[in-house]
Amino acid sequence: MGNCLHLDLTPGQTADCGLLPDLLAVLPHAPGAVVADKAYDTDKSLETIAGLGAEAVIPPEASRLDQRPYDENLYADRSKVERFFGRLKEARALATRYDKTACSFLAVAHLLAALDWLR
């Protein structure tokens, strides 16, 4: 099903790809593949994934000179992540960012992720 293992919170203006090493570090074992969107198509992200011996299933940015291939069938699994966040956003408080502090917002996200896990 693709349950959530870890959530991190970043400021709205910060790129998510900078958290990739931290997110991969909390996994219980090394992944065989890392599936992510074009926002993670950075040299640092690709080096981090290669360092784990995993396959990077990330479509290359259109501006990249080296358009490397990626497994499009495996990339389709990324929809599990999008569906997960869609289920979290069914909660009005999370979707509208009702909580003003980052700590309480992340706590609500953790609670909703746990409830989603039990679903």
PDB file of N, CA and C in Angstrom:
ATOM      1  N   MET A   1       0.830  -1.192   0.000  1.00  0.00           N
ATOM      2  CA  MET A   1       0.000   0.000   0.000  1.00  0.00           C
ATOM      3  C   MET A   1       0.869   1.246   0.000  1.00  0.00           C
ATOM      4  N   GLY A   2       2.030   1.210   0.629  1.00  0.00           N
ATOM      5  CA  GLY A   2       2.892   2.380   0.653  1.00  0.00           C
ATOM      6  C   GLY A   2       2.608   3.273   1.830  1.00  0.00           C
ATOM      7  N   ASN A   3       2.735   2.763   3.047  1.00  0.00           N
ATOM      8  CA  ASN A   3       2.493   3.563   4.245  1.00  0.00           C
ATOM      9  C   ASN A   3       3.646   4.521   4.511  1.00  0.00           C
ATOM     10  N   CYS A   4       3.320   5.602   5.202  1.00  0.00           N
ATOM     11  CA  CYS A   4       4.311   6.619   5.550  1.00  0.00           C
ATOM     12  C   CYS A   4       5.245   6.088   6.639  1.00  0.00           C
ATOM     13  N   LEU A   5       6.540   6.293   6.455  1.00  0.00           N
ATOM     14  CA  LEU A   5       7.523   5.892   7.457  1.00  0.00           C
ATOM     15  C   LEU A   5       8.087   7.084   8.224  1.00  0.00           C
ATOM     16  N   HIS A   6       8.108   8.245   7.578  1.00  0.00           N
ATOM     17  CA  HIS A   6       8.723   9.416   8.218  1.00  0.00           C
ATOM     18  C   HIS A   6       8.189  10.682   7.553  1.00  0.00           C
ATOM     19  N   LEU A   7       7.949  11.700   8.358  1.00  0.00           N
ATOM     20  CA  LEU A   7       7.532  13.006   7.851  1.00  0.00           C
ATOM     21  C   LEU A   7       8.498  14.063   8.373  1.00  0.00           C
ATOM     22  N   ASP A   8       8.885  14.964   7.514  1.00  0.00           N
ATOM     23  CA  ASP A   8       9.682  16.129   7.900  1.00  0.00           C
ATOM     24  C   ASP A   8       8.976  17.370   7.391  1.00  0.00           C
ATOM     25  N   LEU A   9       9.207  18.460   8.051  1.00  0.00           N
ATOM     26  CA  LEU A   9       8.570  19.720   7.685  1.00  0.00           C
ATOM     27  C   LEU A   9       9.636  20.726   7.280  1.00  0.00           C
ATOM     28  N   THR A  10       9.408  21.396   6.156  1.00  0.00           N
ATOM     29  CA  THR A  10      10.337  22.428   5.698  1.00  0.00           C
ATOM     30  C   THR A  10       9.571  23.742   5.547  1.00  0.00           C
ATOM     31  N   PRO A  11      10.264  24.857   5.605  1.00  0.00           N
ATOM     32  CA  PRO A  11       9.607  26.129   5.296  1.00  0.00           C
ATOM     33  C   PRO A  11       9.106  26.115   3.841  1.00  0.00           C
ATOM     34  N   GLY A  12       8.075  26.861   3.578  1.00  0.00           N
ATOM     35  CA  GLY A  12       7.465  26.853   2.260  1.00  0.00           C
ATOM     36  C   GLY A  12       8.397  27.243   1.131  1.00  0.00           C
ATOM     37  N   GLN A  13       9.389  28.085   1.410  1.00  0.00           N
ATOM     38  CA  GLN A  13      10.284  28.557   0.361  1.00  0.00           C
ATOM     39  C   GLN A  13      11.518  27.669   0.198  1.00  0.00           C
ATOM     40  N   THR A  14      11.634  26.594   0.971  1.00  0.00           N
ATOM     41  CA  THR A  14      12.802  25.717   0.926  1.00  0.00           C
ATOM     42  C   THR A  14      12.539  24.526   0.016  1.00  0.00           C
ATOM     43  N   ALA A  15      13.522  24.169  -0.784  1.00  0.00           N
ATOM     44  CA  ALA A  15      13.389  23.017  -1.676  1.00  0.00           C
ATOM     45  C   ALA A  15      13.392  21.727  -0.862  1.00  0.00           C
ATOM     46  N   ASP A  16      12.502  20.817  -1.193  1.00  0.00           N
ATOM     47  CA  ASP A  16      12.394  19.554  -0.471  1.00  0.00           C
ATOM     48  C   ASP A  16      13.580  18.631  -0.716  1.00  0.00           C
ATOM     49  N   CYS A  17      14.255  18.781  -1.848  1.00  0.00           N
ATOM     50  CA  CYS A  17      15.330  17.849  -2.204  1.00  0.00           C
ATOM     51  C   CYS A  17      16.492  17.894  -1.215  1.00  0.00           C
ATOM     52  N   GLY A  18      16.638  18.958  -0.455  1.00  0.00           N
ATOM     53  CA  GLY A  18      17.703  19.039   0.524  1.00  0.00           C
ATOM     54  C   GLY A  18      17.528  18.063   1.685  1.00  0.00           C
ATOM     55  N   LEU A  19      16.297  17.604   1.902  1.00  0.00           N
ATOM     56  CA  LEU A  19      16.021  16.656   2.982  1.00  0.00           C
ATOM     57  C   LEU A  19      16.222  15.207   2.573  1.00  0.00           C
ATOM     58  N   LEU A  20      16.501  14.947   1.317  1.00  0.00           N
ATOM     59  CA  LEU A  20      16.590  13.567   0.843  1.00  0.00           C
ATOM     60  C   LEU A  20      17.578  12.723   1.639  1.00  0.00           C
ATOM     61  N   PRO A  21      18.802  13.178   1.914  1.00  0.00           N
ATOM     62  CA  PRO A  21      19.718  12.343   2.705  1.00  0.00           C
ATOM     63  C   PRO A  21      19.161  11.992   4.090  1.00  0.00           C
ATOM     64  N   ASP A  22      18.504  12.941   4.738  1.00  0.00           N
ATOM     65  CA  ASP A  22      17.921  12.680   6.057  1.00  0.00           C
ATOM     66  C   ASP A  22      16.767  11.688   5.970  1.00  0.00           C
ATOM     67  N   LEU A  23      15.941  11.820   4.935  1.00  0.00           N
ATOM     68  CA  LEU A  23      14.815  10.903   4.767  1.00  0.00           C
ATOM     69  C   LEU A  23      15.293   9.480   4.483  1.00  0.00           C
ATOM     70  N   LEU A  24      16.335   9.353   3.673  1.00  0.00           N
ATOM     71  CA  LEU A  24      16.854   8.027   3.361  1.00  0.00           C
ATOM     72  C   LEU A  24      17.568   7.416   4.559  1.00  0.00           C
ATOM     73  N   ALA A  25      18.128   8.250   5.422  1.00  0.00           N
ATOM     74  CA  ALA A  25      18.869   7.747   6.584  1.00  0.00           C
ATOM     75  C   ALA A  25      17.961   7.075   7.608  1.00  0.00           C
ATOM     76  N   VAL A  26      16.704   7.464   7.671  1.00  0.00           N
ATOM     77  CA  VAL A  26      15.799   6.881   8.670  1.00  0.00           C
ATOM     78  C   VAL A  26      15.164   5.574   8.212  1.00  0.00           C
ATOM     79  N   LEU A  27      15.388   5.188   6.967  1.00  0.00           N
ATOM     80  CA  LEU A  27      14.814   3.926   6.483  1.00  0.00           C
ATOM     81  C   LEU A  27      15.463   2.755   7.205  1.00  0.00           C
ATOM     82  N   PRO A  28      14.680   1.720   7.515  1.00  0.00           N
ATOM     83  CA  PRO A  28      15.240   0.584   8.245  1.00  0.00           C
ATOM     84  C   PRO A  28      16.260  -0.217   7.443  1.00  0.00           C
ATOM     85  N   HIS A  29      16.190  -0.171   6.132  1.00  0.00           N
ATOM     86  CA  HIS A  29      17.163  -0.848   5.270  1.00  0.00           C
ATOM     87  C   HIS A  29      17.329  -0.046   3.990  1.00  0.00           C
ATOM     88  N   ALA A  30      18.414  -0.302   3.270  1.00  0.00           N
ATOM     89  CA  ALA A  30      18.695   0.448   2.041  1.00  0.00           C
ATOM     90  C   ALA A  30      17.643   0.119   0.988  1.00  0.00           C
ATOM     91  N   PRO A  31      17.104   1.125   0.329  1.00  0.00           N
ATOM     92  CA  PRO A  31      16.090   0.865  -0.691  1.00  0.00           C
ATOM     93  C   PRO A  31      16.715   0.338  -1.978  1.00  0.00           C
ATOM     94  N   GLY A  32      15.928  -0.400  -2.748  1.00  0.00           N
ATOM     95  CA  GLY A  32      16.388  -0.860  -4.053  1.00  0.00           C
ATOM     96  C   GLY A  32      16.258   0.244  -5.089  1.00  0.00           C
ATOM     97  N   ALA A  33      15.272   1.117  -4.871  1.00  0.00           N
ATOM     98  CA  ALA A  33      15.037   2.232  -5.786  1.00  0.00           C
ATOM     99  C   ALA A  33      14.451   3.398  -4.996  1.00  0.00           C
ATOM    100  N   VAL A  34      14.740   4.605  -5.466  1.00  0.00           N
ATOM    101  CA  VAL A  34      14.172   5.816  -4.886  1.00  0.00           C
ATOM    102  C   VAL A  34      13.353   6.485  -5.981  1.00  0.00           C
ATOM    103  N   VAL A  35      12.054   6.570  -5.740  1.00  0.00           N
ATOM    104  CA  VAL A  35      11.136   7.151  -6.721  1.00  0.00           C
ATOM    105  C   VAL A  35      10.789   8.562  -6.264  1.00  0.00           C
ATOM    106  N   ALA A  36      11.048   9.532  -7.122  1.00  0.00           N
ATOM    107  CA  ALA A  36      10.779  10.932  -6.772  1.00  0.00           C
ATOM    108  C   ALA A  36      10.454  11.720  -8.040  1.00  0.00           C
ATOM    109  N   ASP A  37       9.915  12.926  -7.848  1.00  0.00           N
ATOM    110  CA  ASP A  37       9.573  13.744  -9.007  1.00  0.00           C
ATOM    111  C   ASP A  37      10.775  14.572  -9.464  1.00  0.00           C
ATOM    112  N   LYS A  38      10.548  15.396 -10.482  1.00  0.00           N
ATOM    113  CA  LYS A  38      11.640  16.165 -11.101  1.00  0.00           C
ATOM    114  C   LYS A  38      12.325  17.130 -10.144  1.00  0.00           C
ATOM    115  N   ALA A  39      11.644  17.499  -9.070  1.00  0.00           N
ATOM    116  CA  ALA A  39      12.248  18.420  -8.101  1.00  0.00           C
ATOM    117  C   ALA A  39      13.486  17.813  -7.445  1.00  0.00           C
ATOM    118  N   TYR A  40      13.584  16.493  -7.448  1.00  0.00           N
ATOM    119  CA  TYR A  40      14.722  15.801  -6.833  1.00  0.00           C
ATOM    120  C   TYR A  40      15.817  15.491  -7.848  1.00  0.00           C
ATOM    121  N   ASP A  41      15.698  15.985  -9.049  1.00  0.00           N
ATOM    122  CA  ASP A  41      16.703  15.748 -10.086  1.00  0.00           C
ATOM    123  C   ASP A  41      17.850  16.737  -9.926  1.00  0.00           C
ATOM    124  N   THR A  42      18.638  16.532  -8.866  1.00  0.00           N
ATOM    125  CA  THR A  42      19.832  17.338  -8.634  1.00  0.00           C
ATOM    126  C   THR A  42      21.029  16.392  -8.562  1.00  0.00           C
ATOM    127  N   ASP A  43      22.191  16.906  -8.849  1.00  0.00           N
ATOM    128  CA  ASP A  43      23.396  16.073  -8.798  1.00  0.00           C
ATOM    129  C   ASP A  43      23.614  15.504  -7.394  1.00  0.00           C
ATOM    130  N   LYS A  44      23.366  16.318  -6.369  1.00  0.00           N
ATOM    131  CA  LYS A  44      23.559  15.859  -4.996  1.00  0.00           C
ATOM    132  C   LYS A  44      22.599  14.715  -4.664  1.00  0.00           C
ATOM    133  N   SER A  45      21.327  14.839  -5.072  1.00  0.00           N
ATOM    134  CA  SER A  45      20.354  13.778  -4.825  1.00  0.00           C
ATOM    135  C   SER A  45      20.756  12.490  -5.532  1.00  0.00           C
ATOM    136  N   LEU A  46      21.167  12.613  -6.782  1.00  0.00           N
ATOM    137  CA  LEU A  46      21.562  11.427  -7.539  1.00  0.00           C
ATOM    138  C   LEU A  46      22.796  10.765  -6.943  1.00  0.00           C
ATOM    139  N   GLU A  47      23.746  11.570  -6.432  1.00  0.00           N
ATOM    140  CA  GLU A  47      24.935  11.014  -5.779  1.00  0.00           C
ATOM    141  C   GLU A  47      24.564  10.296  -4.485  1.00  0.00           C
ATOM    142  N   THR A  48      23.638  10.880  -3.728  1.00  0.00           N
ATOM    143  CA  THR A  48      23.196  10.257  -2.476  1.00  0.00           C
ATOM    144  C   THR A  48      22.553   8.907  -2.741  1.00  0.00           C
ATOM    145  N   ILE A  49      21.699   8.859  -3.754  1.00  0.00           N
ATOM    146  CA  ILE A  49      21.012   7.610  -4.095  1.00  0.00           C
ATOM    147  C   ILE A  49      22.011   6.573  -4.597  1.00  0.00           C
ATOM    148  N   ALA A  50      22.937   6.999  -5.435  1.00  0.00           N
ATOM    149  CA  ALA A  50      23.955   6.073  -5.951  1.00  0.00           C
ATOM    150  C   ALA A  50      24.839   5.559  -4.820  1.00  0.00           C
ATOM    151  N   GLY A  51      25.100   6.395  -3.829  1.00  0.00           N
ATOM    152  CA  GLY A  51      25.907   5.983  -2.691  1.00  0.00           C
ATOM    153  C   GLY A  51      25.261   4.867  -1.883  1.00  0.00           C
ATOM    154  N   LEU A  52      23.943   4.780  -1.939  1.00  0.00           N
ATOM    155  CA  LEU A  52      23.222   3.711  -1.257  1.00  0.00           C
ATOM    156  C   LEU A  52      23.132   2.448  -2.109  1.00  0.00           C
ATOM    157  N   GLY A  53      23.572   2.552  -3.356  1.00  0.00           N
ATOM    158  CA  GLY A  53      23.453   1.418  -4.267  1.00  0.00           C
ATOM    159  C   GLY A  53      22.037   1.232  -4.781  1.00  0.00           C
ATOM    160  N   ALA A  54      21.249   2.287  -4.743  1.00  0.00           N
ATOM    161  CA  ALA A  54      19.854   2.230  -5.177  1.00  0.00           C
ATOM    162  C   ALA A  54      19.712   2.827  -6.577  1.00  0.00           C
ATOM    163  N   GLU A  55      18.621   2.475  -7.213  1.00  0.00           N
ATOM    164  CA  GLU A  55      18.300   3.026  -8.541  1.00  0.00           C
ATOM    165  C   GLU A  55      17.526   4.327  -8.358  1.00  0.00           C
ATOM    166  N   ALA A  56      17.920   5.364  -9.064  1.00  0.00           N
ATOM    167  CA  ALA A  56      17.205   6.642  -9.027  1.00  0.00           C
ATOM    168  C   ALA A  56      16.128   6.624 -10.098  1.00  0.00           C
ATOM    169  N   VAL A  57      14.874   6.601  -9.660  1.00  0.00           N
ATOM    170  CA  VAL A  57      13.745   6.630 -10.584  1.00  0.00           C
ATOM    171  C   VAL A  57      13.175   8.043 -10.535  1.00  0.00           C
ATOM    172  N   ILE A  58      13.902   8.937 -11.177  1.00  0.00           N
ATOM    173  CA  ILE A  58      13.580  10.362 -11.180  1.00  0.00           C
ATOM    174  C   ILE A  58      13.658  10.845 -12.622  1.00  0.00           C
ATOM    175  N   PRO A  59      12.559  11.370 -13.169  1.00  0.00           N
ATOM    176  CA  PRO A  59      12.651  11.887 -14.528  1.00  0.00           C
ATOM    177  C   PRO A  59      13.585  13.090 -14.582  1.00  0.00           C
ATOM    178  N   PRO A  60      14.401  13.189 -15.613  1.00  0.00           N
ATOM    179  CA  PRO A  60      15.333  14.320 -15.690  1.00  0.00           C
ATOM    180  C   PRO A  60      14.609  15.620 -16.037  1.00  0.00           C
ATOM    181  N   GLU A  61      15.131  16.696 -15.502  1.00  0.00           N
ATOM    182  CA  GLU A  61      14.610  18.024 -15.852  1.00  0.00           C
ATOM    183  C   GLU A  61      14.792  18.247 -17.354  1.00  0.00           C
ATOM    184  N   ALA A  62      13.906  19.001 -17.941  1.00  0.00           N
ATOM    185  CA  ALA A  62      13.995  19.269 -19.381  1.00  0.00           C
ATOM    186  C   ALA A  62      15.268  20.025 -19.730  1.00  0.00           C
ATOM    187  N   SER A  63      15.791  20.799 -18.784  1.00  0.00           N
ATOM    188  CA  SER A  63      16.983  21.609 -19.052  1.00  0.00           C
ATOM    189  C   SER A  63      18.285  20.812 -18.908  1.00  0.00           C
ATOM    190  N   ARG A  64      18.218  19.584 -18.444  1.00  0.00           N
ATOM    191  CA  ARG A  64      19.425  18.763 -18.287  1.00  0.00           C
ATOM    192  C   ARG A  64      19.976  18.350 -19.639  1.00  0.00           C
ATOM    193  N   LEU A  65      21.268  18.533 -19.828  1.00  0.00           N
ATOM    194  CA  LEU A  65      21.890  18.139 -21.094  1.00  0.00           C
ATOM    195  C   LEU A  65      21.930  16.628 -21.245  1.00  0.00           C
ATOM    196  N   ASP A  66      22.177  15.915 -20.135  1.00  0.00           N
ATOM    197  CA  ASP A  66      22.221  14.460 -20.157  1.00  0.00           C
ATOM    198  C   ASP A  66      20.856  13.927 -19.731  1.00  0.00           C
ATOM    199  N   GLN A  67      20.022  13.606 -20.695  1.00  0.00           N
ATOM    200  CA  GLN A  67      18.688  13.079 -20.412  1.00  0.00           C
ATOM    201  C   GLN A  67      18.796  11.577 -20.134  1.00  0.00           C
ATOM    202  N   ARG A  68      19.036  11.227 -18.874  1.00  0.00           N
ATOM    203  CA  ARG A  68      19.222   9.820 -18.530  1.00  0.00           C
ATOM    204  C   ARG A  68      17.883   9.087 -18.524  1.00  0.00           C
ATOM    205  N   PRO A  69      17.916   7.795 -18.810  1.00  0.00           N
ATOM    206  CA  PRO A  69      16.663   7.024 -18.800  1.00  0.00           C
ATOM    207  C   PRO A  69      16.226   6.722 -17.363  1.00  0.00           C
ATOM    208  N   TYR A  70      14.946   6.428 -17.193  1.00  0.00           N
ATOM    209  CA  TYR A  70      14.407   6.020 -15.899  1.00  0.00           C
ATOM    210  C   TYR A  70      13.257   5.052 -16.161  1.00  0.00           C
ATOM    211  N   ASP A  71      12.955   4.227 -15.194  1.00  0.00           N
ATOM    212  CA  ASP A  71      11.917   3.210 -15.320  1.00  0.00           C
ATOM    213  C   ASP A  71      10.542   3.859 -15.154  1.00  0.00           C
ATOM    214  N   GLU A  72       9.843   4.052 -16.254  1.00  0.00           N
ATOM    215  CA  GLU A  72       8.546   4.743 -16.206  1.00  0.00           C
ATOM    216  C   GLU A  72       7.489   3.917 -15.484  1.00  0.00           C
ATOM    217  N   ASN A  73       7.572   2.602 -15.565  1.00  0.00           N
ATOM    218  CA  ASN A  73       6.604   1.757 -14.849  1.00  0.00           C
ATOM    219  C   ASN A  73       6.789   1.887 -13.341  1.00  0.00           C
ATOM    220  N   LEU A  74       8.019   1.894 -12.893  1.00  0.00           N
ATOM    221  CA  LEU A  74       8.294   2.060 -11.470  1.00  0.00           C
ATOM    222  C   LEU A  74       7.950   3.481 -11.021  1.00  0.00           C
ATOM    223  N   TYR A  75       8.141   4.455 -11.893  1.00  0.00           N
ATOM    224  CA  TYR A  75       7.819   5.844 -11.564  1.00  0.00           C
ATOM    225  C   TYR A  75       6.315   6.015 -11.311  1.00  0.00           C
ATOM    226  N   ALA A  76       5.507   5.170 -11.915  1.00  0.00           N
ATOM    227  CA  ALA A  76       4.061   5.249 -11.716  1.00  0.00           C
ATOM    228  C   ALA A  76       3.687   5.000 -10.252  1.00  0.00           C
ATOM    229  N   ASP A  77       4.547   4.327  -9.500  1.00  0.00           N
ATOM    230  CA  ASP A  77       4.283   4.106  -8.075  1.00  0.00           C
ATOM    231  C   ASP A  77       4.332   5.396  -7.267  1.00  0.00           C
ATOM    232  N   ARG A  78       4.872   6.451  -7.834  1.00  0.00           N
ATOM    233  CA  ARG A  78       4.918   7.730  -7.126  1.00  0.00           C
ATOM    234  C   ARG A  78       3.521   8.239  -6.822  1.00  0.00           C
ATOM    235  N   SER A  79       2.536   7.738  -7.560  1.00  0.00           N
ATOM    236  CA  SER A  79       1.157   8.162  -7.299  1.00  0.00           C
ATOM    237  C   SER A  79       0.715   7.761  -5.896  1.00  0.00           C
ATOM    238  N   LYS A  80       1.359   6.739  -5.291  1.00  0.00           N
ATOM    239  CA  LYS A  80       1.025   6.361  -3.914  1.00  0.00           C
ATOM    240  C   LYS A  80       1.317   7.507  -2.956  1.00  0.00           C
ATOM    241  N   VAL A  81       2.408   8.214  -3.196  1.00  0.00           N
ATOM    242  CA  VAL A  81       2.764   9.348  -2.350  1.00  0.00           C
ATOM    243  C   VAL A  81       1.732  10.461  -2.532  1.00  0.00           C
ATOM    244  N   GLU A  82       1.365  10.734  -3.771  1.00  0.00           N
ATOM    245  CA  GLU A  82       0.381  11.788  -4.036  1.00  0.00           C
ATOM    246  C   GLU A  82      -0.967  11.434  -3.414  1.00  0.00           C
ATOM    247  N   ARG A  83      -1.360  10.168  -3.482  1.00  0.00           N
ATOM    248  CA  ARG A  83      -2.630   9.750  -2.879  1.00  0.00           C
ATOM    249  C   ARG A  83      -2.565   9.862  -1.356  1.00  0.00           C
ATOM    250  N   PHE A  84      -1.393   9.548  -0.777  1.00  0.00           N
ATOM    251  CA  PHE A  84      -1.227   9.679   0.678  1.00  0.00           C
ATOM    252  C   PHE A  84      -1.448  11.129   1.108  1.00  0.00           C
ATOM    253  N   PHE A  85      -0.797  12.067   0.440  1.00  0.00           N
ATOM    254  CA  PHE A  85      -0.974  13.468   0.808  1.00  0.00           C
ATOM    255  C   PHE A  85      -2.394  13.942   0.518  1.00  0.00           C
ATOM    256  N   GLY A  86      -3.032  13.383  -0.491  1.00  0.00           N
ATOM    257  CA  GLY A  86      -4.439  13.691  -0.750  1.00  0.00           C
ATOM    258  C   GLY A  86      -5.324  13.254   0.407  1.00  0.00           C
ATOM    259  N   ARG A  87      -5.034  12.052   0.961  1.00  0.00           N
ATOM    260  CA  ARG A  87      -5.807  11.579   2.112  1.00  0.00           C
ATOM    261  C   ARG A  87      -5.555  12.456   3.335  1.00  0.00           C
ATOM    262  N   LEU A  88      -4.313  12.911   3.532  1.00  0.00           N
ATOM    263  CA  LEU A  88      -4.034  13.805   4.655  1.00  0.00           C
ATOM    264  C   LEU A  88      -4.796  15.116   4.501  1.00  0.00           C
ATOM    265  N   LYS A  89      -4.869  15.611   3.287  1.00  0.00           N
ATOM    266  CA  LYS A  89      -5.512  16.909   3.053  1.00  0.00           C
ATOM    267  C   LYS A  89      -7.031  16.840   3.124  1.00  0.00           C
ATOM    268  N   GLU A  90      -7.577  15.624   3.304  1.00  0.00           N
ATOM    269  CA  GLU A  90      -9.016  15.522   3.544  1.00  0.00           C
ATOM    270  C   GLU A  90      -9.374  16.133   4.896  1.00  0.00           C
ATOM    271  N   ALA A  91      -8.396  16.193   5.779  1.00  0.00           N
ATOM    272  CA  ALA A  91      -8.588  16.853   7.070  1.00  0.00           C
ATOM    273  C   ALA A  91      -8.460  18.357   6.847  1.00  0.00           C
ATOM    274  N   ARG A  92      -9.511  19.073   7.117  1.00  0.00           N
ATOM    275  CA  ARG A  92      -9.555  20.503   6.824  1.00  0.00           C
ATOM    276  C   ARG A  92      -8.451  21.276   7.535  1.00  0.00           C
ATOM    277  N   ALA A  93      -8.149  20.898   8.771  1.00  0.00           N
ATOM    278  CA  ALA A  93      -7.128  21.625   9.545  1.00  0.00           C
ATOM    279  C   ALA A  93      -5.764  21.521   8.883  1.00  0.00           C
ATOM    280  N   LEU A  94      -5.449  20.387   8.297  1.00  0.00           N
ATOM    281  CA  LEU A  94      -4.160  20.237   7.634  1.00  0.00           C
ATOM    282  C   LEU A  94      -4.162  20.958   6.289  1.00  0.00           C
ATOM    283  N   ALA A  95      -5.223  20.811   5.534  1.00  0.00           N
ATOM    284  CA  ALA A  95      -5.278  21.406   4.203  1.00  0.00           C
ATOM    285  C   ALA A  95      -5.212  22.928   4.247  1.00  0.00           C
ATOM    286  N   THR A  96      -5.820  23.513   5.272  1.00  0.00           N
ATOM    287  CA  THR A  96      -5.845  24.976   5.369  1.00  0.00           C
ATOM    288  C   THR A  96      -4.757  25.518   6.290  1.00  0.00           C
ATOM    289  N   ARG A  97      -3.896  24.622   6.802  1.00  0.00           N
ATOM    290  CA  ARG A  97      -2.811  24.994   7.710  1.00  0.00           C
ATOM    291  C   ARG A  97      -3.349  25.798   8.902  1.00  0.00           C
ATOM    292  N   TYR A  98      -4.365  25.198   9.532  1.00  0.00           N
ATOM    293  CA  TYR A  98      -5.026  25.840  10.665  1.00  0.00           C
ATOM    294  C   TYR A  98      -4.068  26.073  11.821  1.00  0.00           C
ATOM    295  N   ASP A  99      -3.179  25.101  12.078  1.00  0.00           N
ATOM    296  CA  ASP A  99      -2.216  25.246  13.176  1.00  0.00           C
ATOM    297  C   ASP A  99      -1.160  26.265  12.787  1.00  0.00           C
ATOM    298  N   LYS A 100      -0.877  27.176  13.687  1.00  0.00           N
ATOM    299  CA  LYS A 100       0.035  28.271  13.365  1.00  0.00           C
ATOM    300  C   LYS A 100       1.498  27.931  13.605  1.00  0.00           C
ATOM    301  N   THR A 101       1.781  27.028  14.533  1.00  0.00           N
ATOM    302  CA  THR A 101       3.178  26.694  14.799  1.00  0.00           C
ATOM    303  C   THR A 101       3.566  25.435  14.027  1.00  0.00           C
ATOM    304  N   ALA A 102       4.830  25.355  13.657  1.00  0.00           N
ATOM    305  CA  ALA A 102       5.317  24.195  12.907  1.00  0.00           C
ATOM    306  C   ALA A 102       5.182  22.921  13.728  1.00  0.00           C
ATOM    307  N   CYS A 103       5.411  23.020  15.025  1.00  0.00           N
ATOM    308  CA  CYS A 103       5.341  21.844  15.906  1.00  0.00           C
ATOM    309  C   CYS A 103       3.932  21.257  15.927  1.00  0.00           C
ATOM    310  N   SER A 104       2.920  22.097  16.090  1.00  0.00           N
ATOM    311  CA  SER A 104       1.550  21.578  16.143  1.00  0.00           C
ATOM    312  C   SER A 104       1.084  21.118  14.759  1.00  0.00           C
ATOM    313  N   PHE A 105       1.535  21.784  13.702  1.00  0.00           N
ATOM    314  CA  PHE A 105       1.178  21.347  12.345  1.00  0.00           C
ATOM    315  C   PHE A 105       1.763  19.963  12.068  1.00  0.00           C
ATOM    316  N   LEU A 106       3.024  19.756  12.427  1.00  0.00           N
ATOM    317  CA  LEU A 106       3.663  18.460  12.217  1.00  0.00           C
ATOM    318  C   LEU A 106       3.020  17.389  13.092  1.00  0.00           C
ATOM    319  N   ALA A 107       2.600  17.758  14.298  1.00  0.00           N
ATOM    320  CA  ALA A 107       1.928  16.803  15.176  1.00  0.00           C
ATOM    321  C   ALA A 107       0.619  16.323  14.556  1.00  0.00           C
ATOM    322  N   VAL A 108      -0.137  17.234  13.978  1.00  0.00           N
ATOM    323  CA  VAL A 108      -1.385  16.848  13.301  1.00  0.00           C
ATOM    324  C   VAL A 108      -1.077  15.963  12.100  1.00  0.00           C
ATOM    325  N   ALA A 109      -0.034  16.283  11.353  1.00  0.00           N
ATOM    326  CA  ALA A 109       0.345  15.451  10.206  1.00  0.00           C
ATOM    327  C   ALA A 109       0.735  14.049  10.660  1.00  0.00           C
ATOM    328  N   HIS A 110       1.477  13.944  11.776  1.00  0.00           N
ATOM    329  CA  HIS A 110       1.841  12.634  12.311  1.00  0.00           C
ATOM    330  C   HIS A 110       0.600  11.860  12.755  1.00  0.00           C
ATOM    331  N   LEU A 111      -0.316  12.528  13.416  1.00  0.00           N
ATOM    332  CA  LEU A 111      -1.549  11.884  13.860  1.00  0.00           C
ATOM    333  C   LEU A 111      -2.349  11.352  12.670  1.00  0.00           C
ATOM    334  N   LEU A 112      -2.479  12.187  11.642  1.00  0.00           N
ATOM    335  CA  LEU A 112      -3.225  11.767  10.449  1.00  0.00           C
ATOM    336  C   LEU A 112      -2.529  10.633   9.719  1.00  0.00           C
ATOM    337  N   ALA A 113      -1.190  10.661   9.692  1.00  0.00           N
ATOM    338  CA  ALA A 113      -0.444   9.572   9.055  1.00  0.00           C
ATOM    339  C   ALA A 113      -0.640   8.261   9.811  1.00  0.00           C
ATOM    340  N   ALA A 114      -0.675   8.338  11.141  1.00  0.00           N
ATOM    341  CA  ALA A 114      -0.909   7.140  11.940  1.00  0.00           C
ATOM    342  C   ALA A 114      -2.317   6.596  11.703  1.00  0.00           C
ATOM    343  N   LEU A 115      -3.291   7.475  11.636  1.00  0.00           N
ATOM    344  CA  LEU A 115      -4.669   7.038  11.360  1.00  0.00           C
ATOM    345  C   LEU A 115      -4.769   6.439   9.962  1.00  0.00           C
ATOM    346  N   ASP A 116      -4.041   7.015   9.004  1.00  0.00           N
ATOM    347  CA  ASP A 116      -4.034   6.484   7.645  1.00  0.00           C
ATOM    348  C   ASP A 116      -3.424   5.084   7.630  1.00  0.00           C
ATOM    349  N   TRP A 117      -2.382   4.876   8.438  1.00  0.00           N
ATOM    350  CA  TRP A 117      -1.725   3.585   8.544  1.00  0.00           C
ATOM    351  C   TRP A 117      -2.715   2.528   9.047  1.00  0.00           C
ATOM    352  N   LEU A 118      -3.587   2.932   9.984  1.00  0.00           N
ATOM    353  CA  LEU A 118      -4.569   2.005  10.565  1.00  0.00           C
ATOM    354  C   LEU A 118      -5.757   1.758   9.643  1.00  0.00           C
ATOM    355  N   ARG A 119      -5.949   2.598   8.684  1.00  0.00           N
ATOM    356  CA  ARG A 119      -7.104   2.491   7.783  1.00  0.00           C
ATOM    357  C   ARG A 119      -7.069   1.237   6.985  1.00  0.00           C
TER     358      ARG A 119
END
